[in-house]
Amino acid sequence: MDIEPVDGAPRQAFRRTVLRQRWEDLTFLHWTVAPELVAPLLPAGTRPDTLDGVCFVGLIGFRMVGLGFGRGPGVPYFGTFAETNVRLYSVDHTGRRAVVFRSLDASRLVPVLVARATLRLPYLWSSMRLDRDGDRLTYRCRRRWPGPTGTTSRMEVRVGERIVDPTPVEHFLTARWGLHTRAYGRTLHLPNWHPRWPLHRAELLRLDDGLVAAAGLPAPVGPPVSVLYSPGVGVRFGPPVALRRPGG
């Protein structure tokens, strides 16, 4: 199997845009995790995507802005909200790299219900805040529904210098152009596209997190191996494609 290269700025691979949105003020925290712990958590037909023999779990906080359908405008009020997700990295038998979300906490209930019903994405309704004071950002989350209710996360970072030439690890963790999910008995690949990430180094000032452990992964121990920030990008999603069995 030929695995697609890690490309920081590929061409858009789909003609029709089904979702449009913008991601702003993103912080990416990552820790290493053993592939054997990741494999059982991935959708059928995918396996862990590794770099130098290890996998990564990501805790990513950001602001979703202007979520809308097709070429239409963003949905007022419901299309803009804070989000924090826990994600893993996958590759399918066609060689497509993607992310797999273990949880996506969001501060708007309607998008949570729609995403759970349509793509079976593990969205959860949470009370959330994203505050900025100069070069410091604070992300707060307290889960409301579904459980485990009361799970919390707080991370504070200081934004540093712009990254001119990302390392292989930084490309591996951010240059992802689709997601894998299991919905209604099928594994789906949902492609996305956005411009090249404008990335900055960042310093983790504080972390009190229960989201990673609630997602079925070992709670983070020690500092993350990667801390990154991005002011954001505009994003497009193409139609989902069902993953066929090898040879099917």
C-alpha atoms as a PDB file:
ATOM      1  CA  MET A   1       0.000   0.000   0.000  1.00  0.00           C
ATOM      2  CA  ASP A   2       1.295   3.438  -0.953  1.00  0.00           C
ATOM      3  CA  ILE A   3       0.530   5.984   1.750  1.00  0.00           C
ATOM      4  CA  GLU A   4      -0.048   9.525   0.539  1.00  0.00           C
ATOM      5  CA  PRO A   5       2.773  11.924   1.420  1.00  0.00           C
ATOM      6  CA  VAL A   6       2.466  14.471   4.198  1.00  0.00           C
ATOM      7  CA  ASP A   7       1.810  17.570   2.089  1.00  0.00           C
ATOM      8  CA  GLY A   8       1.497  20.978   3.731  1.00  0.00           C
ATOM      9  CA  ALA A   9      -0.527  22.485   0.866  1.00  0.00           C
ATOM     10  CA  PRO A  10      -2.102  19.981  -1.544  1.00  0.00           C
ATOM     11  CA  ARG A  11      -4.571  20.869  -4.266  1.00  0.00           C
ATOM     12  CA  GLN A  12      -8.245  20.614  -3.389  1.00  0.00           C
ATOM     13  CA  ALA A  13      -9.192  17.032  -4.192  1.00  0.00           C
ATOM     14  CA  PHE A  14     -12.982  17.461  -4.502  1.00  0.00           C
ATOM     15  CA  ARG A  15     -15.204  19.551  -6.752  1.00  0.00           C
ATOM     16  CA  ARG A  16     -18.252  20.107  -4.569  1.00  0.00           C
ATOM     17  CA  THR A  17     -18.082  21.860  -1.207  1.00  0.00           C
ATOM     18  CA  VAL A  18     -20.668  20.607   1.275  1.00  0.00           C
ATOM     19  CA  LEU A  19     -19.469  22.494   4.359  1.00  0.00           C
ATOM     20  CA  ARG A  20     -17.619  25.766   4.746  1.00  0.00           C
ATOM     21  CA  GLN A  21     -16.173  27.203   7.958  1.00  0.00           C
ATOM     22  CA  ARG A  22     -13.234  29.003   9.495  1.00  0.00           C
ATOM     23  CA  TRP A  23     -11.022  27.795  12.317  1.00  0.00           C
ATOM     24  CA  GLU A  24      -9.463  30.550  14.442  1.00  0.00           C
ATOM     25  CA  ASP A  25      -7.079  30.781  17.415  1.00  0.00           C
ATOM     26  CA  LEU A  26      -6.052  27.129  17.385  1.00  0.00           C
ATOM     27  CA  THR A  27      -3.757  25.555  19.937  1.00  0.00           C
ATOM     28  CA  PHE A  28      -2.412  22.061  19.219  1.00  0.00           C
ATOM     29  CA  LEU A  29      -1.072  19.967  22.112  1.00  0.00           C
ATOM     30  CA  HIS A  30       0.287  16.494  21.339  1.00  0.00           C
ATOM     31  CA  TRP A  31       1.672  13.550  23.288  1.00  0.00           C
ATOM     32  CA  THR A  32       3.006  10.231  22.050  1.00  0.00           C
ATOM     33  CA  VAL A  33       0.973   7.078  22.586  1.00  0.00           C
ATOM     34  CA  ALA A  34       1.636   3.430  21.758  1.00  0.00           C
ATOM     35  CA  PRO A  35       0.086   2.156  18.478  1.00  0.00           C
ATOM     36  CA  GLU A  36      -1.436  -0.863  20.256  1.00  0.00           C
ATOM     37  CA  LEU A  37      -3.499   1.495  22.414  1.00  0.00           C
ATOM     38  CA  VAL A  38      -4.698   3.466  19.399  1.00  0.00           C
ATOM     39  CA  ALA A  39      -5.638   0.604  17.056  1.00  0.00           C
ATOM     40  CA  PRO A  40      -8.812  -0.566  18.897  1.00  0.00           C
ATOM     41  CA  LEU A  41     -10.161   3.000  18.914  1.00  0.00           C
ATOM     42  CA  LEU A  42     -10.107   3.498  15.132  1.00  0.00           C
ATOM     43  CA  PRO A  43     -12.914   2.827  12.617  1.00  0.00           C
ATOM     44  CA  ALA A  44     -12.972  -0.460  10.728  1.00  0.00           C
ATOM     45  CA  GLY A  45     -10.733  -0.392   7.675  1.00  0.00           C
ATOM     46  CA  THR A  46      -8.210   2.017   9.175  1.00  0.00           C
ATOM     47  CA  ARG A  47      -5.065   1.589  11.212  1.00  0.00           C
ATOM     48  CA  PRO A  48      -2.848   3.878  13.277  1.00  0.00           C
ATOM     49  CA  ASP A  49      -0.727   6.326  11.318  1.00  0.00           C
ATOM     50  CA  THR A  50       2.736   6.349  12.881  1.00  0.00           C
ATOM     51  CA  LEU A  51       5.850   8.466  12.669  1.00  0.00           C
ATOM     52  CA  ASP A  52       9.090   6.766  13.663  1.00  0.00           C
ATOM     53  CA  GLY A  53       7.049   3.951  15.204  1.00  0.00           C
ATOM     54  CA  VAL A  54       4.874   6.042  17.526  1.00  0.00           C
ATOM     55  CA  CYS A  55       1.368   7.475  17.429  1.00  0.00           C
ATOM     56  CA  PHE A  56       0.128  10.789  18.747  1.00  0.00           C
ATOM     57  CA  VAL A  57      -2.943  11.951  20.612  1.00  0.00           C
ATOM     58  CA  GLY A  58      -3.920  15.570  20.129  1.00  0.00           C
ATOM     59  CA  LEU A  59      -5.835  18.020  22.318  1.00  0.00           C
ATOM     60  CA  ILE A  60      -6.874  20.943  20.123  1.00  0.00           C
ATOM     61  CA  GLY A  61      -8.769  24.037  21.224  1.00  0.00           C
ATOM     62  CA  PHE A  62     -10.076  26.672  18.822  1.00  0.00           C
ATOM     63  CA  ARG A  63     -12.948  28.844  17.699  1.00  0.00           C
ATOM     64  CA  MET A  64     -15.286  27.660  14.929  1.00  0.00           C
ATOM     65  CA  VAL A  65     -16.481  30.657  12.918  1.00  0.00           C
ATOM     66  CA  GLY A  66     -19.137  30.944  10.215  1.00  0.00           C
ATOM     67  CA  LEU A  67     -20.062  27.275   9.785  1.00  0.00           C
ATOM     68  CA  GLY A  68     -22.282  27.034   6.716  1.00  0.00           C
ATOM     69  CA  PHE A  69     -23.481  24.657   4.012  1.00  0.00           C
ATOM     70  CA  GLY A  70     -22.205  24.569   0.441  1.00  0.00           C
ATOM     71  CA  ARG A  71     -21.524  27.997  -0.999  1.00  0.00           C
ATOM     72  CA  GLY A  72     -24.016  29.688   1.307  1.00  0.00           C
ATOM     73  CA  PRO A  73     -23.222  32.067   4.150  1.00  0.00           C
ATOM     74  CA  GLY A  74     -22.407  30.945   7.664  1.00  0.00           C
ATOM     75  CA  VAL A  75     -25.326  30.052   9.883  1.00  0.00           C
ATOM     76  CA  PRO A  76     -26.030  32.990  12.241  1.00  0.00           C
ATOM     77  CA  TYR A  77     -25.289  32.330  15.931  1.00  0.00           C
ATOM     78  CA  PHE A  78     -25.252  28.522  15.671  1.00  0.00           C
ATOM     79  CA  GLY A  79     -22.363  28.561  13.176  1.00  0.00           C
ATOM     80  CA  THR A  80     -19.860  30.189  15.542  1.00  0.00           C
ATOM     81  CA  PHE A  81     -18.724  28.529  18.766  1.00  0.00           C
ATOM     82  CA  ALA A  82     -15.770  27.379  20.851  1.00  0.00           C
ATOM     83  CA  GLU A  83     -14.573  23.794  20.395  1.00  0.00           C
ATOM     84  CA  THR A  84     -12.005  21.455  21.915  1.00  0.00           C
ATOM     85  CA  ASN A  85     -11.352  18.051  20.414  1.00  0.00           C
ATOM     86  CA  VAL A  86      -9.328  14.937  21.197  1.00  0.00           C
ATOM     87  CA  ARG A  87      -8.010  13.268  18.087  1.00  0.00           C
ATOM     88  CA  LEU A  88      -5.903  10.416  16.759  1.00  0.00           C
ATOM     89  CA  TYR A  89      -4.273   9.823  13.369  1.00  0.00           C
ATOM     90  CA  SER A  90      -5.274   7.120  10.917  1.00  0.00           C
ATOM     91  CA  VAL A  91      -4.534   5.727   7.483  1.00  0.00           C
ATOM     92  CA  ASP A  92      -6.886   3.543   5.429  1.00  0.00           C
ATOM     93  CA  HIS A  93      -6.183   0.762   2.949  1.00  0.00           C
ATOM     94  CA  THR A  94      -6.157   3.225   0.055  1.00  0.00           C
ATOM     95  CA  GLY A  95      -3.329   5.156   1.709  1.00  0.00           C
ATOM     96  CA  ARG A  96      -5.379   8.206   2.732  1.00  0.00           C
ATOM     97  CA  ARG A  97      -4.174   9.853   5.909  1.00  0.00           C
ATOM     98  CA  ALA A  98      -6.800  11.384   8.185  1.00  0.00           C
ATOM     99  CA  VAL A  99      -7.791  12.224  11.733  1.00  0.00           C
ATOM    100  CA  VAL A 100     -10.145  10.255  13.960  1.00  0.00           C
ATOM    101  CA  PHE A 101     -11.983  12.250  16.588  1.00  0.00           C
ATOM    102  CA  ARG A 102     -12.485  10.620  19.959  1.00  0.00           C
ATOM    103  CA  SER A 103     -14.446  13.599  21.237  1.00  0.00           C
ATOM    104  CA  LEU A 104     -15.445  17.071  20.062  1.00  0.00           C
ATOM    105  CA  ASP A 105     -16.735  19.366  22.792  1.00  0.00           C
ATOM    106  CA  ALA A 106     -18.646  22.372  21.433  1.00  0.00           C
ATOM    107  CA  SER A 107     -20.575  25.223  23.010  1.00  0.00           C
ATOM    108  CA  ARG A 108     -23.623  25.133  20.680  1.00  0.00           C
ATOM    109  CA  LEU A 109     -26.160  22.331  21.131  1.00  0.00           C
ATOM    110  CA  VAL A 110     -27.716  22.413  17.635  1.00  0.00           C
ATOM    111  CA  PRO A 111     -24.457  21.704  15.732  1.00  0.00           C
ATOM    112  CA  VAL A 112     -23.729  18.942  18.247  1.00  0.00           C
ATOM    113  CA  LEU A 113     -27.065  17.248  17.526  1.00  0.00           C
ATOM    114  CA  VAL A 114     -26.711  17.621  13.740  1.00  0.00           C
ATOM    115  CA  ALA A 115     -23.173  16.213  13.638  1.00  0.00           C
ATOM    116  CA  ARG A 116     -24.103  13.271  15.861  1.00  0.00           C
ATOM    117  CA  ALA A 117     -27.164  12.430  13.754  1.00  0.00           C
ATOM    118  CA  THR A 118     -25.608  12.782  10.295  1.00  0.00           C
ATOM    119  CA  LEU A 119     -22.000  11.584  10.516  1.00  0.00           C
ATOM    120  CA  ARG A 120     -22.112   9.991  13.985  1.00  0.00           C
ATOM    121  CA  LEU A 121     -19.257  12.247  15.043  1.00  0.00           C
ATOM    122  CA  PRO A 122     -18.706  12.181  18.822  1.00  0.00           C
ATOM    123  CA  TYR A 123     -19.734  15.789  19.440  1.00  0.00           C
ATOM    124  CA  LEU A 124     -20.633  16.766  23.006  1.00  0.00           C
ATOM    125  CA  TRP A 125     -22.350  19.862  24.352  1.00  0.00           C
ATOM    126  CA  SER A 126     -20.174  21.796  26.776  1.00  0.00           C
ATOM    127  CA  SER A 127     -19.874  25.132  28.506  1.00  0.00           C
ATOM    128  CA  MET A 128     -16.797  26.727  26.952  1.00  0.00           C
ATOM    129  CA  ARG A 129     -14.770  29.938  26.865  1.00  0.00           C
ATOM    130  CA  LEU A 130     -11.802  31.122  24.854  1.00  0.00           C
ATOM    131  CA  ASP A 131     -10.116  34.237  26.274  1.00  0.00           C
ATOM    132  CA  ARG A 132      -7.172  36.169  24.905  1.00  0.00           C
ATOM    133  CA  ASP A 133      -4.931  38.630  26.739  1.00  0.00           C
ATOM    134  CA  GLY A 134      -2.154  39.802  24.442  1.00  0.00           C
ATOM    135  CA  ASP A 135      -0.108  36.745  23.506  1.00  0.00           C
ATOM    136  CA  ARG A 136      -1.814  34.505  26.105  1.00  0.00           C
ATOM    137  CA  LEU A 137      -4.841  32.344  25.360  1.00  0.00           C
ATOM    138  CA  THR A 138      -6.974  30.381  27.805  1.00  0.00           C
ATOM    139  CA  TYR A 139      -9.362  27.605  26.746  1.00  0.00           C
ATOM    140  CA  ARG A 140     -11.966  26.387  29.270  1.00  0.00           C
ATOM    141  CA  CYS A 141     -14.421  23.510  28.904  1.00  0.00           C
ATOM    142  CA  ARG A 142     -16.974  21.805  31.166  1.00  0.00           C
ATOM    143  CA  ARG A 143     -19.021  19.011  29.604  1.00  0.00           C
ATOM    144  CA  ARG A 144     -22.825  19.140  29.805  1.00  0.00           C
ATOM    145  CA  TRP A 145     -24.183  16.318  27.634  1.00  0.00           C
ATOM    146  CA  PRO A 146     -23.784  13.434  27.044  1.00  0.00           C
ATOM    147  CA  GLY A 147     -21.506  11.971  29.690  1.00  0.00           C
ATOM    148  CA  PRO A 148     -19.290  11.811  31.426  1.00  0.00           C
ATOM    149  CA  THR A 149     -20.876  15.107  32.473  1.00  0.00           C
ATOM    150  CA  GLY A 150     -18.738  17.512  34.427  1.00  0.00           C
ATOM    151  CA  THR A 151     -15.515  16.540  32.630  1.00  0.00           C
ATOM    152  CA  THR A 152     -13.355  19.637  32.418  1.00  0.00           C
ATOM    153  CA  SER A 153     -10.344  20.993  30.603  1.00  0.00           C
ATOM    154  CA  ARG A 154      -8.354  24.191  30.965  1.00  0.00           C
ATOM    155  CA  MET A 155      -5.270  25.044  28.956  1.00  0.00           C
ATOM    156  CA  GLU A 156      -3.292  28.270  28.837  1.00  0.00           C
ATOM    157  CA  VAL A 157      -0.620  29.026  26.258  1.00  0.00           C
ATOM    158  CA  ARG A 158       1.650  31.883  25.239  1.00  0.00           C
ATOM    159  CA  VAL A 159       2.072  32.395  21.498  1.00  0.00           C
ATOM    160  CA  GLY A 160       5.638  32.602  20.225  1.00  0.00           C
ATOM    161  CA  GLU A 161       7.445  33.203  16.963  1.00  0.00           C
ATOM    162  CA  ARG A 162       6.179  32.287  13.509  1.00  0.00           C
ATOM    163  CA  ILE A 163       7.448  28.970  12.140  1.00  0.00           C
ATOM    164  CA  VAL A 164       9.010  29.448   8.723  1.00  0.00           C
ATOM    165  CA  ASP A 165       9.956  25.807   8.099  1.00  0.00           C
ATOM    166  CA  PRO A 166       7.886  23.281  10.109  1.00  0.00           C
ATOM    167  CA  THR A 167       9.616  20.105  11.247  1.00  0.00           C
ATOM    168  CA  PRO A 168       8.498  16.669   9.965  1.00  0.00           C
ATOM    169  CA  VAL A 169       6.619  16.134  13.238  1.00  0.00           C
ATOM    170  CA  GLU A 170       4.819  19.491  12.938  1.00  0.00           C
ATOM    171  CA  HIS A 171       3.787  18.683   9.368  1.00  0.00           C
ATOM    172  CA  PHE A 172       2.647  15.185  10.380  1.00  0.00           C
ATOM    173  CA  LEU A 173       0.413  16.541  13.150  1.00  0.00           C
ATOM    174  CA  THR A 174      -1.195  19.404  11.222  1.00  0.00           C
ATOM    175  CA  ALA A 175      -1.178  18.580   7.490  1.00  0.00           C
ATOM    176  CA  ARG A 176      -4.316  16.422   7.548  1.00  0.00           C
ATOM    177  CA  TRP A 177      -6.808  16.592   4.714  1.00  0.00           C
ATOM    178  CA  GLY A 178      -9.690  14.434   5.872  1.00  0.00           C
ATOM    179  CA  LEU A 179     -11.302  12.546   8.718  1.00  0.00           C
ATOM    180  CA  HIS A 180     -12.368   8.953   9.188  1.00  0.00           C
ATOM    181  CA  THR A 181     -15.575   8.165  11.044  1.00  0.00           C
ATOM    182  CA  ARG A 182     -17.910   5.200  11.488  1.00  0.00           C
ATOM    183  CA  ALA A 183     -21.540   5.935  10.636  1.00  0.00           C
ATOM    184  CA  TYR A 184     -24.483   3.604  10.042  1.00  0.00           C
ATOM    185  CA  GLY A 185     -22.346   0.504   9.548  1.00  0.00           C
ATOM    186  CA  ARG A 186     -19.836   2.134   7.177  1.00  0.00           C
ATOM    187  CA  THR A 187     -16.471   3.783   7.563  1.00  0.00           C
ATOM    188  CA  LEU A 188     -16.483   7.167   5.857  1.00  0.00           C
ATOM    189  CA  HIS A 189     -13.716   9.449   4.678  1.00  0.00           C
ATOM    190  CA  LEU A 190     -14.652  13.134   4.700  1.00  0.00           C
ATOM    191  CA  PRO A 191     -12.083  15.202   2.758  1.00  0.00           C
ATOM    192  CA  ASN A 192     -11.221  18.781   3.575  1.00  0.00           C
ATOM    193  CA  TRP A 193      -9.006  21.513   2.188  1.00  0.00           C
ATOM    194  CA  HIS A 194      -7.571  24.776   3.440  1.00  0.00           C
ATOM    195  CA  PRO A 195      -4.533  26.955   2.736  1.00  0.00           C
ATOM    196  CA  ARG A 196      -1.190  26.104   4.280  1.00  0.00           C
ATOM    197  CA  TRP A 197      -1.252  26.495   8.056  1.00  0.00           C
ATOM    198  CA  PRO A 198       0.325  29.680   9.444  1.00  0.00           C
ATOM    199  CA  LEU A 199       1.988  28.081  12.480  1.00  0.00           C
ATOM    200  CA  HIS A 200       3.654  29.558  15.560  1.00  0.00           C
ATOM    201  CA  ARG A 201       5.598  27.996  18.350  1.00  0.00           C
ATOM    202  CA  ALA A 202       3.793  28.215  21.680  1.00  0.00           C
ATOM    203  CA  GLU A 203       4.510  27.663  25.363  1.00  0.00           C
ATOM    204  CA  LEU A 204       2.131  25.693  27.552  1.00  0.00           C
ATOM    205  CA  LEU A 205       1.606  27.678  30.751  1.00  0.00           C
ATOM    206  CA  ARG A 206      -1.081  25.556  32.405  1.00  0.00           C
ATOM    207  CA  LEU A 207      -2.997  22.361  31.697  1.00  0.00           C
ATOM    208  CA  ASP A 208      -5.722  20.712  33.768  1.00  0.00           C
ATOM    209  CA  ASP A 209      -7.396  18.244  31.443  1.00  0.00           C
ATOM    210  CA  GLY A 210      -9.859  15.407  31.780  1.00  0.00           C
ATOM    211  CA  LEU A 211     -10.938  15.178  28.145  1.00  0.00           C
ATOM    212  CA  VAL A 212      -8.143  12.887  26.946  1.00  0.00           C
ATOM    213  CA  ALA A 213      -8.799  10.276  29.640  1.00  0.00           C
ATOM    214  CA  ALA A 214     -12.574  10.558  29.081  1.00  0.00           C
ATOM    215  CA  ALA A 215     -11.921   9.727  25.405  1.00  0.00           C
ATOM    216  CA  GLY A 216     -10.509   6.332  26.358  1.00  0.00           C
ATOM    217  CA  LEU A 217      -6.823   7.231  26.192  1.00  0.00           C
ATOM    218  CA  PRO A 218      -4.136   7.414  28.866  1.00  0.00           C
ATOM    219  CA  ALA A 219      -4.201  10.756  30.668  1.00  0.00           C
ATOM    220  CA  PRO A 220      -1.290  12.938  29.557  1.00  0.00           C
ATOM    221  CA  VAL A 221       1.829  12.456  31.664  1.00  0.00           C
ATOM    222  CA  GLY A 222       4.534  15.073  31.450  1.00  0.00           C
ATOM    223  CA  PRO A 223       4.751  17.957  29.011  1.00  0.00           C
ATOM    224  CA  PRO A 224       3.464  17.577  25.449  1.00  0.00           C
ATOM    225  CA  VAL A 225       5.990  16.743  22.746  1.00  0.00           C
ATOM    226  CA  SER A 226       4.562  19.506  20.547  1.00  0.00           C
ATOM    227  CA  VAL A 227       2.824  22.809  21.325  1.00  0.00           C
ATOM    228  CA  LEU A 228       1.692  24.851  18.332  1.00  0.00           C
ATOM    229  CA  TYR A 229      -0.582  27.807  17.645  1.00  0.00           C
ATOM    230  CA  SER A 230      -2.246  29.062  14.477  1.00  0.00           C
ATOM    231  CA  PRO A 231      -4.315  32.222  13.971  1.00  0.00           C
ATOM    232  CA  GLY A 232      -6.495  30.182  11.645  1.00  0.00           C
ATOM    233  CA  VAL A 233      -7.560  29.241   8.128  1.00  0.00           C
ATOM    234  CA  GLY A 234     -10.719  29.020   6.045  1.00  0.00           C
ATOM    235  CA  VAL A 235     -11.785  25.398   5.486  1.00  0.00           C
ATOM    236  CA  ARG A 236     -13.904  23.511   2.959  1.00  0.00           C
ATOM    237  CA  PHE A 237     -15.245  19.963   3.260  1.00  0.00           C
ATOM    238  CA  GLY A 238     -16.176  17.724   0.354  1.00  0.00           C
ATOM    239  CA  PRO A 239     -18.799  14.964   0.260  1.00  0.00           C
ATOM    240  CA  PRO A 240     -18.117  11.878   2.431  1.00  0.00           C
ATOM    241  CA  VAL A 241     -16.968   8.732   0.649  1.00  0.00           C
ATOM    242  CA  ALA A 242     -17.605   5.230   1.991  1.00  0.00           C
ATOM    243  CA  LEU A 243     -14.474   3.163   2.490  1.00  0.00           C
ATOM    244  CA  ARG A 244     -14.733  -0.048   0.516  1.00  0.00           C
ATOM    245  CA  ARG A 245     -13.213  -3.302   1.629  1.00  0.00           C
ATOM    246  CA  PRO A 246      -9.841  -4.151   0.024  1.00  0.00           C
ATOM    247  CA  GLY A 247     -10.500  -5.707  -3.346  1.00  0.00           C
ATOM    248  CA  GLY A 248     -14.149  -4.643  -3.210  1.00  0.00           C
END
